[in-house]
Amino acid sequence: MTEEETRALFTRSDGRYLFARWGRPIVPVVFGVEEATLGVVKGAIEAVVALAGHRMAETDPELGANFMMFFLRDWRELLDVPDLDRLIPELGDLVQRLEAAEANQYRVFRFDAEGGIRACFAFVRMDAELSAVPAEVLALNQAMQAILLWSDMAFTDRSALARAQGGATILRPEVAGLIRAAYDPVLPVMAQDVAHALRLSARVQGSRDT
């Protein structure tokens, strides 16, 4: 992955470069799935966190759970979730925007004083398109989308996932390498300077050369 490709994955549609990774252990909780699917989703989160070399925990001292994933059939179901409006300001306006856009997924991030990710709320509306996606594929993609603050334009022209020999779905090797490099302790948890993309790309290349 070149420096230009790396930079594009963290350059937002308004032209700003913005990178952030988790600054604390991840504590996931999943709503709206059956018990069998719950194991698949949590397994995908654990796999991506392990790939990053990051940590998970049993509880977050501030929020209890800091990575909340909601699966639903209609956006208006969010309005019935107790206390969600305290976590997501202007929840009603957000639901209206998602309905108008006919969106099927949305993520809200919260950040700590250093700019690192301290919470992620992921909403997945199971429309006809997503209902046709195998649970393990959907779960892996959602875990990948939450492990870093990607650009709002990232992966719009090419999926981050690939099919391995034997048929299993995996992260594309260059995306997996980028996630590992992004959690290098030498790098900051948040960056707004495009020079960060050069450092990140160099670490991805260095890991391939060793």
C-alpha atoms as a PDB file:
ATOM      1  CA  MET A   1       0.000   0.000   0.000  1.00  0.00           C
ATOM      2  CA  THR A   2       1.513   3.281  -1.135  1.00  0.00           C
ATOM      3  CA  GLU A   3       1.652   6.480   0.888  1.00  0.00           C
ATOM      4  CA  GLU A   4      -0.998   7.980  -1.408  1.00  0.00           C
ATOM      5  CA  GLU A   5      -3.333   5.011  -0.879  1.00  0.00           C
ATOM      6  CA  THR A   6      -2.770   5.174   2.868  1.00  0.00           C
ATOM      7  CA  ARG A   7      -3.426   8.910   2.955  1.00  0.00           C
ATOM      8  CA  ALA A   8      -6.675   8.486   1.016  1.00  0.00           C
ATOM      9  CA  LEU A   9      -8.057   6.082   3.619  1.00  0.00           C
ATOM     10  CA  PHE A  10      -7.888   8.806   6.279  1.00  0.00           C
ATOM     11  CA  THR A  11      -8.661  11.879   4.162  1.00  0.00           C
ATOM     12  CA  ARG A  12     -12.262  12.900   4.618  1.00  0.00           C
ATOM     13  CA  SER A  13     -14.593  14.188   1.923  1.00  0.00           C
ATOM     14  CA  ASP A  14     -13.933  17.772   3.095  1.00  0.00           C
ATOM     15  CA  GLY A  15     -10.207  17.304   2.403  1.00  0.00           C
ATOM     16  CA  ARG A  16      -9.065  16.996   6.043  1.00  0.00           C
ATOM     17  CA  TYR A  17      -6.627  14.285   7.061  1.00  0.00           C
ATOM     18  CA  LEU A  18      -7.798  12.720  10.328  1.00  0.00           C
ATOM     19  CA  PHE A  19      -6.523   9.495  11.863  1.00  0.00           C
ATOM     20  CA  ALA A  20      -7.502   8.036  15.235  1.00  0.00           C
ATOM     21  CA  ARG A  21      -7.189   4.676  16.947  1.00  0.00           C
ATOM     22  CA  TRP A  22      -8.532   3.361  20.230  1.00  0.00           C
ATOM     23  CA  GLY A  23      -6.791   4.780  23.266  1.00  0.00           C
ATOM     24  CA  ARG A  24      -8.286   2.342  25.768  1.00  0.00           C
ATOM     25  CA  PRO A  25      -9.265  -1.344  25.905  1.00  0.00           C
ATOM     26  CA  ILE A  26     -12.339  -2.228  23.863  1.00  0.00           C
ATOM     27  CA  VAL A  27     -15.428  -3.519  25.676  1.00  0.00           C
ATOM     28  CA  PRO A  28     -18.077  -4.627  23.155  1.00  0.00           C
ATOM     29  CA  VAL A  29     -21.768  -5.270  23.613  1.00  0.00           C
ATOM     30  CA  VAL A  30     -24.080  -6.382  20.788  1.00  0.00           C
ATOM     31  CA  PHE A  31     -27.844  -5.846  20.587  1.00  0.00           C
ATOM     32  CA  GLY A  32     -30.459  -7.308  18.264  1.00  0.00           C
ATOM     33  CA  VAL A  33     -28.944 -10.668  17.298  1.00  0.00           C
ATOM     34  CA  GLU A  34     -29.595 -14.269  18.262  1.00  0.00           C
ATOM     35  CA  GLU A  35     -27.236 -16.139  20.573  1.00  0.00           C
ATOM     36  CA  ALA A  36     -25.531 -18.029  17.742  1.00  0.00           C
ATOM     37  CA  THR A  37     -24.879 -14.833  15.801  1.00  0.00           C
ATOM     38  CA  LEU A  38     -23.665 -13.073  18.934  1.00  0.00           C
ATOM     39  CA  GLY A  39     -20.705 -15.458  19.103  1.00  0.00           C
ATOM     40  CA  VAL A  40     -19.853 -14.753  15.466  1.00  0.00           C
ATOM     41  CA  VAL A  41     -19.907 -10.983  15.983  1.00  0.00           C
ATOM     42  CA  LYS A  42     -17.850 -11.024  19.171  1.00  0.00           C
ATOM     43  CA  GLY A  43     -15.418 -13.475  17.565  1.00  0.00           C
ATOM     44  CA  ALA A  44     -14.853 -11.050  14.685  1.00  0.00           C
ATOM     45  CA  ILE A  45     -14.247  -8.174  17.094  1.00  0.00           C
ATOM     46  CA  GLU A  46     -11.761 -10.250  19.090  1.00  0.00           C
ATOM     47  CA  ALA A  47      -9.933 -11.251  15.902  1.00  0.00           C
ATOM     48  CA  VAL A  48      -9.559  -7.660  14.659  1.00  0.00           C
ATOM     49  CA  VAL A  49      -8.485  -6.396  18.087  1.00  0.00           C
ATOM     50  CA  ALA A  50      -5.874  -9.178  18.272  1.00  0.00           C
ATOM     51  CA  LEU A  51      -4.674  -8.308  14.760  1.00  0.00           C
ATOM     52  CA  ALA A  52      -4.161  -4.704  15.883  1.00  0.00           C
ATOM     53  CA  GLY A  53      -2.236  -5.842  18.947  1.00  0.00           C
ATOM     54  CA  HIS A  54      -4.724  -3.903  21.051  1.00  0.00           C
ATOM     55  CA  ARG A  55      -6.604  -5.023  24.168  1.00  0.00           C
ATOM     56  CA  MET A  56     -10.103  -5.942  25.246  1.00  0.00           C
ATOM     57  CA  ALA A  57     -11.518  -5.734  28.753  1.00  0.00           C
ATOM     58  CA  GLU A  58     -14.548  -6.857  30.750  1.00  0.00           C
ATOM     59  CA  THR A  59     -15.728  -3.338  31.511  1.00  0.00           C
ATOM     60  CA  ASP A  60     -14.963   0.294  30.750  1.00  0.00           C
ATOM     61  CA  PRO A  61     -14.771   2.457  33.899  1.00  0.00           C
ATOM     62  CA  GLU A  62     -16.576   5.326  32.188  1.00  0.00           C
ATOM     63  CA  LEU A  63     -19.256   3.687  30.046  1.00  0.00           C
ATOM     64  CA  GLY A  64     -19.329   0.036  31.086  1.00  0.00           C
ATOM     65  CA  ALA A  65     -19.266  -0.947  27.412  1.00  0.00           C
ATOM     66  CA  ASN A  66     -17.550   1.384  24.938  1.00  0.00           C
ATOM     67  CA  PHE A  67     -18.236  -0.404  21.639  1.00  0.00           C
ATOM     68  CA  MET A  68     -21.985  -0.801  21.222  1.00  0.00           C
ATOM     69  CA  MET A  69     -23.291  -2.500  18.099  1.00  0.00           C
ATOM     70  CA  PHE A  70     -26.999  -2.409  17.278  1.00  0.00           C
ATOM     71  CA  PHE A  71     -28.657  -4.600  14.638  1.00  0.00           C
ATOM     72  CA  LEU A  72     -32.192  -3.530  13.692  1.00  0.00           C
ATOM     73  CA  ARG A  73     -34.814  -3.670  10.972  1.00  0.00           C
ATOM     74  CA  ASP A  74     -35.982  -0.066  11.058  1.00  0.00           C
ATOM     75  CA  TRP A  75     -34.119   3.080  12.072  1.00  0.00           C
ATOM     76  CA  ARG A  76     -36.997   4.132  14.322  1.00  0.00           C
ATOM     77  CA  GLU A  77     -36.185   1.225  16.625  1.00  0.00           C
ATOM     78  CA  LEU A  78     -33.306   3.377  17.914  1.00  0.00           C
ATOM     79  CA  LEU A  79     -35.798   5.797  19.434  1.00  0.00           C
ATOM     80  CA  ASP A  80     -37.036   3.002  21.724  1.00  0.00           C
ATOM     81  CA  VAL A  81     -33.579   2.114  23.122  1.00  0.00           C
ATOM     82  CA  PRO A  82     -33.496   3.294  26.756  1.00  0.00           C
ATOM     83  CA  ASP A  83     -31.119   6.213  27.401  1.00  0.00           C
ATOM     84  CA  LEU A  84     -29.622   6.084  23.888  1.00  0.00           C
ATOM     85  CA  ASP A  85     -30.580   9.720  23.419  1.00  0.00           C
ATOM     86  CA  ARG A  86     -28.212  10.549  26.301  1.00  0.00           C
ATOM     87  CA  LEU A  87     -25.322   8.904  24.445  1.00  0.00           C
ATOM     88  CA  ILE A  88     -26.271  10.175  20.984  1.00  0.00           C
ATOM     89  CA  PRO A  89     -27.351  13.840  21.115  1.00  0.00           C
ATOM     90  CA  GLU A  90     -30.140  14.796  18.685  1.00  0.00           C
ATOM     91  CA  LEU A  91     -30.980  11.130  18.125  1.00  0.00           C
ATOM     92  CA  GLY A  92     -34.314  11.975  16.534  1.00  0.00           C
ATOM     93  CA  ASP A  93     -32.662  14.178  13.904  1.00  0.00           C
ATOM     94  CA  LEU A  94     -30.109  11.441  13.190  1.00  0.00           C
ATOM     95  CA  VAL A  95     -32.866   8.857  12.644  1.00  0.00           C
ATOM     96  CA  GLN A  96     -34.607  11.199  10.203  1.00  0.00           C
ATOM     97  CA  ARG A  97     -31.372  11.720   8.238  1.00  0.00           C
ATOM     98  CA  LEU A  98     -30.693   7.981   8.073  1.00  0.00           C
ATOM     99  CA  GLU A  99     -34.228   7.299   6.880  1.00  0.00           C
ATOM    100  CA  ALA A 100     -34.016  10.005   4.231  1.00  0.00           C
ATOM    101  CA  ALA A 101     -30.702   8.627   2.958  1.00  0.00           C
ATOM    102  CA  GLU A 102     -32.009   5.038   3.046  1.00  0.00           C
ATOM    103  CA  ALA A 103     -28.769   4.172   4.834  1.00  0.00           C
ATOM    104  CA  ASN A 104     -28.134   0.678   6.118  1.00  0.00           C
ATOM    105  CA  GLN A 105     -25.250   1.421   8.498  1.00  0.00           C
ATOM    106  CA  TYR A 106     -23.847   4.292  10.506  1.00  0.00           C
ATOM    107  CA  ARG A 107     -21.149   4.788  13.142  1.00  0.00           C
ATOM    108  CA  VAL A 108     -20.700   7.443  15.810  1.00  0.00           C
ATOM    109  CA  PHE A 109     -17.302   7.847  17.487  1.00  0.00           C
ATOM    110  CA  ARG A 110     -16.412   9.586  20.737  1.00  0.00           C
ATOM    111  CA  PHE A 111     -12.861  10.710  21.559  1.00  0.00           C
ATOM    112  CA  ASP A 112     -10.727  11.227  24.653  1.00  0.00           C
ATOM    113  CA  ALA A 113      -8.625  14.256  25.552  1.00  0.00           C
ATOM    114  CA  GLU A 114      -5.732  13.021  23.397  1.00  0.00           C
ATOM    115  CA  GLY A 115      -7.965  12.464  20.387  1.00  0.00           C
ATOM    116  CA  GLY A 116      -7.980   8.674  20.668  1.00  0.00           C
ATOM    117  CA  ILE A 117     -11.215   6.728  20.241  1.00  0.00           C
ATOM    118  CA  ARG A 118     -12.950   6.190  23.574  1.00  0.00           C
ATOM    119  CA  ALA A 119     -16.288   4.868  22.271  1.00  0.00           C
ATOM    120  CA  CYS A 120     -17.993   3.692  19.089  1.00  0.00           C
ATOM    121  CA  PHE A 121     -21.703   3.213  18.466  1.00  0.00           C
ATOM    122  CA  ALA A 122     -22.352   1.143  15.338  1.00  0.00           C
ATOM    123  CA  PHE A 123     -25.854   0.878  13.887  1.00  0.00           C
ATOM    124  CA  VAL A 124     -26.671  -1.716  11.235  1.00  0.00           C
ATOM    125  CA  ARG A 125     -30.086  -1.778   9.555  1.00  0.00           C
ATOM    126  CA  MET A 126     -30.682  -5.232   8.122  1.00  0.00           C
ATOM    127  CA  ASP A 127     -32.229  -4.319   4.797  1.00  0.00           C
ATOM    128  CA  ALA A 128     -32.460  -6.752   1.874  1.00  0.00           C
ATOM    129  CA  GLU A 129     -28.852  -6.089   0.878  1.00  0.00           C
ATOM    130  CA  LEU A 130     -27.290  -6.744   4.280  1.00  0.00           C
ATOM    131  CA  SER A 131     -29.659  -9.609   5.078  1.00  0.00           C
ATOM    132  CA  ALA A 132     -28.119 -11.474   2.143  1.00  0.00           C
ATOM    133  CA  VAL A 133     -24.602 -11.098   3.587  1.00  0.00           C
ATOM    134  CA  PRO A 134     -23.310 -14.042   5.688  1.00  0.00           C
ATOM    135  CA  ALA A 135     -23.073 -13.188   9.388  1.00  0.00           C
ATOM    136  CA  GLU A 136     -19.315 -13.749   9.557  1.00  0.00           C
ATOM    137  CA  VAL A 137     -18.708 -11.373   6.627  1.00  0.00           C
ATOM    138  CA  LEU A 138     -20.947  -8.674   8.060  1.00  0.00           C
ATOM    139  CA  ALA A 139     -19.355  -9.018  11.498  1.00  0.00           C
ATOM    140  CA  LEU A 140     -15.791  -8.830  10.182  1.00  0.00           C
ATOM    141  CA  ASN A 141     -16.573  -5.739   8.144  1.00  0.00           C
ATOM    142  CA  GLN A 142     -18.180  -3.976  11.117  1.00  0.00           C
ATOM    143  CA  ALA A 143     -15.246  -4.827  13.392  1.00  0.00           C
ATOM    144  CA  MET A 144     -12.800  -3.519  10.777  1.00  0.00           C
ATOM    145  CA  GLN A 145     -14.757  -0.284  10.367  1.00  0.00           C
ATOM    146  CA  ALA A 146     -14.648   0.372  14.119  1.00  0.00           C
ATOM    147  CA  ILE A 147     -10.992  -0.406  14.870  1.00  0.00           C
ATOM    148  CA  LEU A 148      -9.818   2.900  13.307  1.00  0.00           C
ATOM    149  CA  LEU A 149     -11.395   6.201  12.344  1.00  0.00           C
ATOM    150  CA  TRP A 150     -11.376   5.660   8.591  1.00  0.00           C
ATOM    151  CA  SER A 151     -12.308   8.356   6.104  1.00  0.00           C
ATOM    152  CA  ASP A 152     -15.992   8.622   5.255  1.00  0.00           C
ATOM    153  CA  MET A 153     -14.865   7.798   1.701  1.00  0.00           C
ATOM    154  CA  ALA A 154     -12.754   4.750   2.585  1.00  0.00           C
ATOM    155  CA  PHE A 155     -13.627   1.436   0.932  1.00  0.00           C
ATOM    156  CA  THR A 156     -16.393   2.953  -1.193  1.00  0.00           C
ATOM    157  CA  ASP A 157     -14.783   1.715  -4.405  1.00  0.00           C
ATOM    158  CA  ARG A 158     -13.200  -1.488  -3.113  1.00  0.00           C
ATOM    159  CA  SER A 159     -14.057  -3.703  -0.163  1.00  0.00           C
ATOM    160  CA  ALA A 160     -11.595  -4.185   2.687  1.00  0.00           C
ATOM    161  CA  LEU A 161     -12.429  -7.891   2.603  1.00  0.00           C
ATOM    162  CA  ALA A 162     -11.210 -10.667   0.349  1.00  0.00           C
ATOM    163  CA  ARG A 163     -11.862 -14.362  -0.226  1.00  0.00           C
ATOM    164  CA  ALA A 164      -9.066 -16.645   0.924  1.00  0.00           C
ATOM    165  CA  GLN A 165      -8.243 -20.037  -0.510  1.00  0.00           C
ATOM    166  CA  GLY A 166     -10.819 -22.421   0.878  1.00  0.00           C
ATOM    167  CA  GLY A 167     -13.563 -19.819   0.721  1.00  0.00           C
ATOM    168  CA  ALA A 168     -13.100 -18.039   4.063  1.00  0.00           C
ATOM    169  CA  THR A 169     -13.572 -14.274   4.135  1.00  0.00           C
ATOM    170  CA  ILE A 170     -10.575 -12.340   5.458  1.00  0.00           C
ATOM    171  CA  LEU A 171      -9.278  -8.800   5.522  1.00  0.00           C
ATOM    172  CA  ARG A 172      -7.229  -7.909   2.464  1.00  0.00           C
ATOM    173  CA  PRO A 173      -3.559  -8.384   3.463  1.00  0.00           C
ATOM    174  CA  GLU A 174      -2.694  -4.725   2.899  1.00  0.00           C
ATOM    175  CA  VAL A 175      -5.632  -3.604   5.093  1.00  0.00           C
ATOM    176  CA  ALA A 176      -4.626  -6.050   7.827  1.00  0.00           C
ATOM    177  CA  GLY A 177      -1.047  -4.760   7.630  1.00  0.00           C
ATOM    178  CA  LEU A 178      -2.262  -1.176   7.868  1.00  0.00           C
ATOM    179  CA  ILE A 179      -4.301  -1.931  10.992  1.00  0.00           C
ATOM    180  CA  ARG A 180      -1.285  -3.584  12.653  1.00  0.00           C
ATOM    181  CA  ALA A 181       0.933  -0.633  11.757  1.00  0.00           C
ATOM    182  CA  ALA A 182      -1.629   1.892  12.990  1.00  0.00           C
ATOM    183  CA  TYR A 183      -1.348   0.486  16.513  1.00  0.00           C
ATOM    184  CA  ASP A 184       2.438   0.785  16.641  1.00  0.00           C
ATOM    185  CA  PRO A 185       3.047   2.436  20.045  1.00  0.00           C
ATOM    186  CA  VAL A 186       5.531   4.818  18.413  1.00  0.00           C
ATOM    187  CA  LEU A 187       2.706   6.419  16.409  1.00  0.00           C
ATOM    188  CA  PRO A 188       0.211   8.853  18.000  1.00  0.00           C
ATOM    189  CA  VAL A 189      -3.339   7.805  18.809  1.00  0.00           C
ATOM    190  CA  MET A 190      -4.570  10.746  16.733  1.00  0.00           C
ATOM    191  CA  ALA A 191      -3.033  12.630  13.810  1.00  0.00           C
ATOM    192  CA  GLN A 192      -4.160  15.455  11.534  1.00  0.00           C
ATOM    193  CA  ASP A 193      -0.901  15.960   9.627  1.00  0.00           C
ATOM    194  CA  VAL A 194      -0.652  14.136   6.293  1.00  0.00           C
ATOM    195  CA  ALA A 195       2.970  13.289   7.162  1.00  0.00           C
ATOM    196  CA  HIS A 196       1.446  10.653   9.435  1.00  0.00           C
ATOM    197  CA  ALA A 197       0.377   8.699   6.339  1.00  0.00           C
ATOM    198  CA  LEU A 198       4.004   8.491   5.231  1.00  0.00           C
ATOM    199  CA  ARG A 199       5.080   7.101   8.611  1.00  0.00           C
ATOM    200  CA  LEU A 200       2.182   4.642   8.562  1.00  0.00           C
ATOM    201  CA  SER A 201       2.912   3.479   5.025  1.00  0.00           C
ATOM    202  CA  ALA A 202       6.604   3.030   5.862  1.00  0.00           C
ATOM    203  CA  ARG A 203       5.703   0.730   8.761  1.00  0.00           C
ATOM    204  CA  VAL A 204       3.420  -1.354   6.551  1.00  0.00           C
ATOM    205  CA  GLN A 205       6.194  -1.730   3.998  1.00  0.00           C
ATOM    206  CA  GLY A 206       8.750  -2.468   6.692  1.00  0.00           C
ATOM    207  CA  SER A 207       6.635  -5.264   8.127  1.00  0.00           C
ATOM    208  CA  ARG A 208       6.358  -6.835   4.657  1.00  0.00           C
ATOM    209  CA  ASP A 209      10.106  -6.671   4.129  1.00  0.00           C
ATOM    210  CA  THR A 210      10.982  -8.447   7.379  1.00  0.00           C
END
